[in-house]
Amino acid sequence: MDAASETPIRKKLRWKIALVVAGAVLVCGIGTAIIIWIVAFMVFFSPPPPIDVQTSEIVSPSGNYSVYASVNRSNKQASDYAEVVIHLIDANGNELDAVNSGAGDFQKWALGWMWDTDEVVLCSSDIGTSLWQLKTPPSLEEVDIYHKERDRENAAARRGMELKKEKYH
């Protein structure tokens, strides 16, 4: 943990721990102080529990739909653990579809829409660029851009790289 990300509560806690250890050295001796220091170190530097991630909704070019991504980080036994799941939402906030993109959250990734169509783009350092189009009734269907449509592949790749630059500048 770097100093910039340290919260004020942790800073205060660090000084309290130092005072307790110093007091233990004076009162109880070095052995007790070492035990207190080890326990305090374990408490202070233990990682926080993992929490699930959900991005904000991104509105489609037509304004009729939104997408957001979620990542399960809390349940390691689930089949979607640490994978990016894309959710399609209508204008009323109803979830229409959810697809597991297969992209891992441990790599860089970005989600968005194509510039002028209601097609969803995911650019991932893990699996590359993927494209989903809307089907009727509204659902997401992945487009095989790598074997059939070279122009769409190039456009989706360009858009995906723009999205990643925006997210990770």
Protein backbone atom coordinates (compact mmCIF):
# COMPACT_ATOMS: atom_id res chain seq x y z
CA MET A 1 0.00 0.00 0.00
CA ASP A 2 1.46 3.34 -0.97
CA ALA A 3 1.20 6.46 1.17
CA ALA A 4 -1.14 8.20 -1.29
CA SER A 5 -3.80 5.51 -0.94
CA GLU A 6 -3.59 5.31 2.86
CA THR A 7 -6.76 6.54 4.54
CA PRO A 8 -6.74 8.96 7.50
CA ILE A 9 -8.15 6.17 9.69
CA ARG A 10 -5.22 3.90 8.82
CA LYS A 11 -2.74 6.72 9.52
CA LYS A 12 -4.22 7.24 12.99
CA LEU A 13 -4.26 3.49 13.57
CA ARG A 14 -0.58 3.23 12.60
CA TRP A 15 0.40 5.79 15.26
CA LYS A 16 -1.77 4.13 17.90
CA ILE A 17 -0.10 0.78 17.16
CA ALA A 18 3.34 2.38 17.47
CA LEU A 19 2.40 3.89 20.84
CA VAL A 20 1.01 0.58 22.14
CA VAL A 21 4.17 -1.27 21.08
CA ALA A 22 6.41 1.39 22.65
CA GLY A 23 4.36 1.23 25.87
CA ALA A 24 4.58 -2.57 25.90
CA VAL A 25 8.38 -2.39 25.61
CA LEU A 26 8.56 -0.07 28.62
CA VAL A 27 6.07 -1.96 30.77
CA CYS A 28 6.30 -5.62 29.81
CA GLY A 29 9.58 -6.11 28.06
CA ILE A 30 10.72 -6.78 24.55
CA GLY A 31 9.09 -10.25 24.19
CA THR A 32 5.57 -8.95 24.79
CA ALA A 33 6.24 -5.96 22.54
CA ILE A 34 7.26 -8.29 19.70
CA ILE A 35 4.07 -10.33 20.10
CA ILE A 36 1.95 -7.16 20.11
CA TRP A 37 3.84 -5.87 17.05
CA ILE A 38 3.26 -9.13 15.13
CA VAL A 39 -0.48 -9.14 15.92
CA ALA A 40 -0.79 -5.45 15.04
CA PHE A 41 1.12 -6.00 11.80
CA MET A 42 -1.20 -8.88 10.80
CA VAL A 43 -4.31 -6.78 11.54
CA PHE A 44 -3.02 -3.62 9.90
CA PHE A 45 -1.71 -5.22 6.70
CA SER A 46 -4.39 -7.86 6.16
CA PRO A 47 -6.09 -7.29 2.80
CA PRO A 48 -9.68 -6.11 2.74
CA PRO A 49 -12.28 -8.70 1.81
CA PRO A 50 -12.90 -8.95 -1.93
CA ILE A 51 -15.94 -7.09 -3.21
CA ASP A 52 -17.86 -7.45 -6.44
CA VAL A 53 -17.41 -4.74 -9.05
CA GLN A 54 -20.07 -3.04 -11.14
CA THR A 55 -19.36 -0.29 -13.67
CA SER A 56 -21.69 2.59 -14.30
CA GLU A 57 -24.25 2.27 -17.09
CA ILE A 58 -23.19 3.38 -20.57
CA VAL A 59 -26.04 4.63 -22.78
CA SER A 60 -26.24 3.42 -26.39
CA PRO A 61 -26.01 5.82 -29.36
CA SER A 62 -29.77 5.45 -29.94
CA GLY A 63 -30.52 6.12 -26.27
CA ASN A 64 -32.76 3.02 -26.11
CA TYR A 65 -30.36 0.79 -24.17
CA SER A 66 -27.55 0.82 -21.66
CA VAL A 67 -24.86 -1.67 -20.75
CA TYR A 68 -22.77 -2.14 -17.65
CA ALA A 69 -20.23 -4.73 -16.62
CA SER A 70 -20.04 -6.67 -13.39
CA VAL A 71 -17.25 -8.79 -11.99
CA ASN A 72 -17.71 -11.45 -9.30
CA ARG A 73 -14.74 -11.16 -6.96
CA SER A 74 -16.32 -12.53 -3.79
CA ASN A 75 -17.36 -16.09 -4.70
CA LYS A 76 -14.38 -18.08 -5.97
CA GLN A 77 -16.52 -21.21 -6.45
CA ALA A 78 -18.85 -19.53 -8.97
CA SER A 79 -18.32 -20.23 -12.68
CA ASP A 80 -18.04 -16.50 -13.42
CA TYR A 81 -15.38 -15.73 -10.79
CA ALA A 82 -13.23 -12.76 -11.90
CA GLU A 83 -14.82 -12.69 -15.35
CA VAL A 84 -16.45 -9.67 -16.97
CA VAL A 85 -20.21 -10.11 -17.36
CA ILE A 86 -22.03 -7.67 -19.66
CA HIS A 87 -25.58 -6.61 -18.74
CA LEU A 88 -28.03 -5.12 -21.26
CA ILE A 89 -30.62 -2.72 -19.82
CA ASP A 90 -33.60 -1.07 -21.54
CA ALA A 91 -34.57 2.61 -21.17
CA ASN A 92 -36.83 1.71 -18.21
CA GLY A 93 -33.98 0.07 -16.28
CA ASN A 94 -35.08 -3.54 -16.89
CA GLU A 95 -32.31 -6.07 -17.44
CA LEU A 96 -32.83 -7.74 -20.81
CA ASP A 97 -29.76 -9.95 -21.04
CA ALA A 98 -26.48 -10.80 -19.34
CA VAL A 99 -23.57 -12.53 -21.07
CA ASN A 100 -20.27 -13.76 -19.71
CA SER A 101 -17.68 -12.23 -22.00
CA GLY A 102 -14.97 -14.70 -21.07
CA ALA A 103 -12.60 -11.80 -20.35
CA GLY A 104 -10.72 -12.00 -17.08
CA ASP A 105 -10.76 -9.04 -14.73
CA PHE A 106 -7.08 -9.50 -13.90
CA GLN A 107 -6.19 -7.98 -17.28
CA LYS A 108 -7.04 -4.51 -18.59
CA TRP A 109 -10.43 -4.25 -20.30
CA ALA A 110 -12.92 -1.60 -21.39
CA LEU A 111 -16.60 -1.75 -22.37
CA GLY A 112 -18.63 0.60 -24.54
CA TRP A 113 -20.70 1.05 -27.68
CA MET A 114 -19.63 1.44 -31.30
CA TRP A 115 -19.66 5.08 -32.37
CA ASP A 116 -23.01 5.15 -34.19
CA THR A 117 -24.65 1.74 -33.81
CA ASP A 118 -26.17 -0.17 -30.92
CA GLU A 119 -23.35 -2.71 -30.89
CA VAL A 120 -21.39 -3.43 -27.72
CA VAL A 121 -17.59 -3.53 -27.81
CA LEU A 122 -15.31 -5.11 -25.22
CA CYS A 123 -11.59 -4.64 -25.61
CA SER A 124 -9.60 -6.93 -23.34
CA SER A 125 -5.89 -7.59 -22.93
CA ASP A 126 -6.98 -11.14 -22.10
CA ILE A 127 -9.18 -12.16 -25.07
CA GLY A 128 -8.82 -9.30 -27.56
CA THR A 129 -11.73 -7.32 -28.97
CA SER A 130 -15.27 -8.73 -29.00
CA LEU A 131 -18.45 -7.32 -30.52
CA TRP A 132 -22.09 -8.02 -29.64
CA GLN A 133 -25.09 -6.93 -31.68
CA LEU A 134 -28.66 -6.54 -30.47
CA LYS A 135 -31.16 -9.17 -31.56
CA THR A 136 -34.97 -9.17 -31.36
CA PRO A 137 -36.29 -9.65 -28.73
CA PRO A 138 -33.54 -7.52 -27.20
CA SER A 139 -30.59 -9.70 -26.34
CA LEU A 140 -26.88 -9.68 -27.04
CA GLU A 141 -25.41 -11.95 -29.70
CA GLU A 142 -21.66 -12.13 -30.20
CA VAL A 143 -20.50 -11.39 -33.74
CA ASP A 144 -17.68 -13.49 -35.19
CA ILE A 145 -15.70 -10.55 -36.52
CA TYR A 146 -12.40 -12.38 -36.89
CA HIS A 147 -13.39 -14.89 -39.56
CA LYS A 148 -16.06 -13.13 -41.58
CA GLU A 149 -16.00 -9.36 -41.52
CA ARG A 150 -12.60 -7.71 -41.76
CA ASP A 151 -13.98 -4.13 -41.84
CA ARG A 152 -16.06 -4.70 -38.72
CA GLU A 153 -13.06 -6.31 -37.02
CA ASN A 154 -10.91 -3.26 -37.73
CA ALA A 155 -13.62 -0.82 -36.64
CA ALA A 156 -14.31 -2.74 -33.44
CA ALA A 157 -10.58 -2.96 -32.68
CA ARG A 158 -10.17 0.81 -33.18
CA ARG A 159 -13.17 1.57 -30.98
CA GLY A 160 -11.96 -0.89 -28.34
CA MET A 161 -8.54 0.73 -28.18
CA GLU A 162 -10.18 4.16 -27.80
CA LEU A 163 -12.24 2.84 -24.89
CA LYS A 164 -9.16 1.37 -23.18
CA LYS A 165 -7.24 4.64 -23.62
CA GLU A 166 -10.15 6.55 -22.06
CA LYS A 167 -10.32 4.14 -19.12
CA TYR A 168 -6.59 3.79 -18.41
CA HIS A 169 -5.13 7.03 -19.85
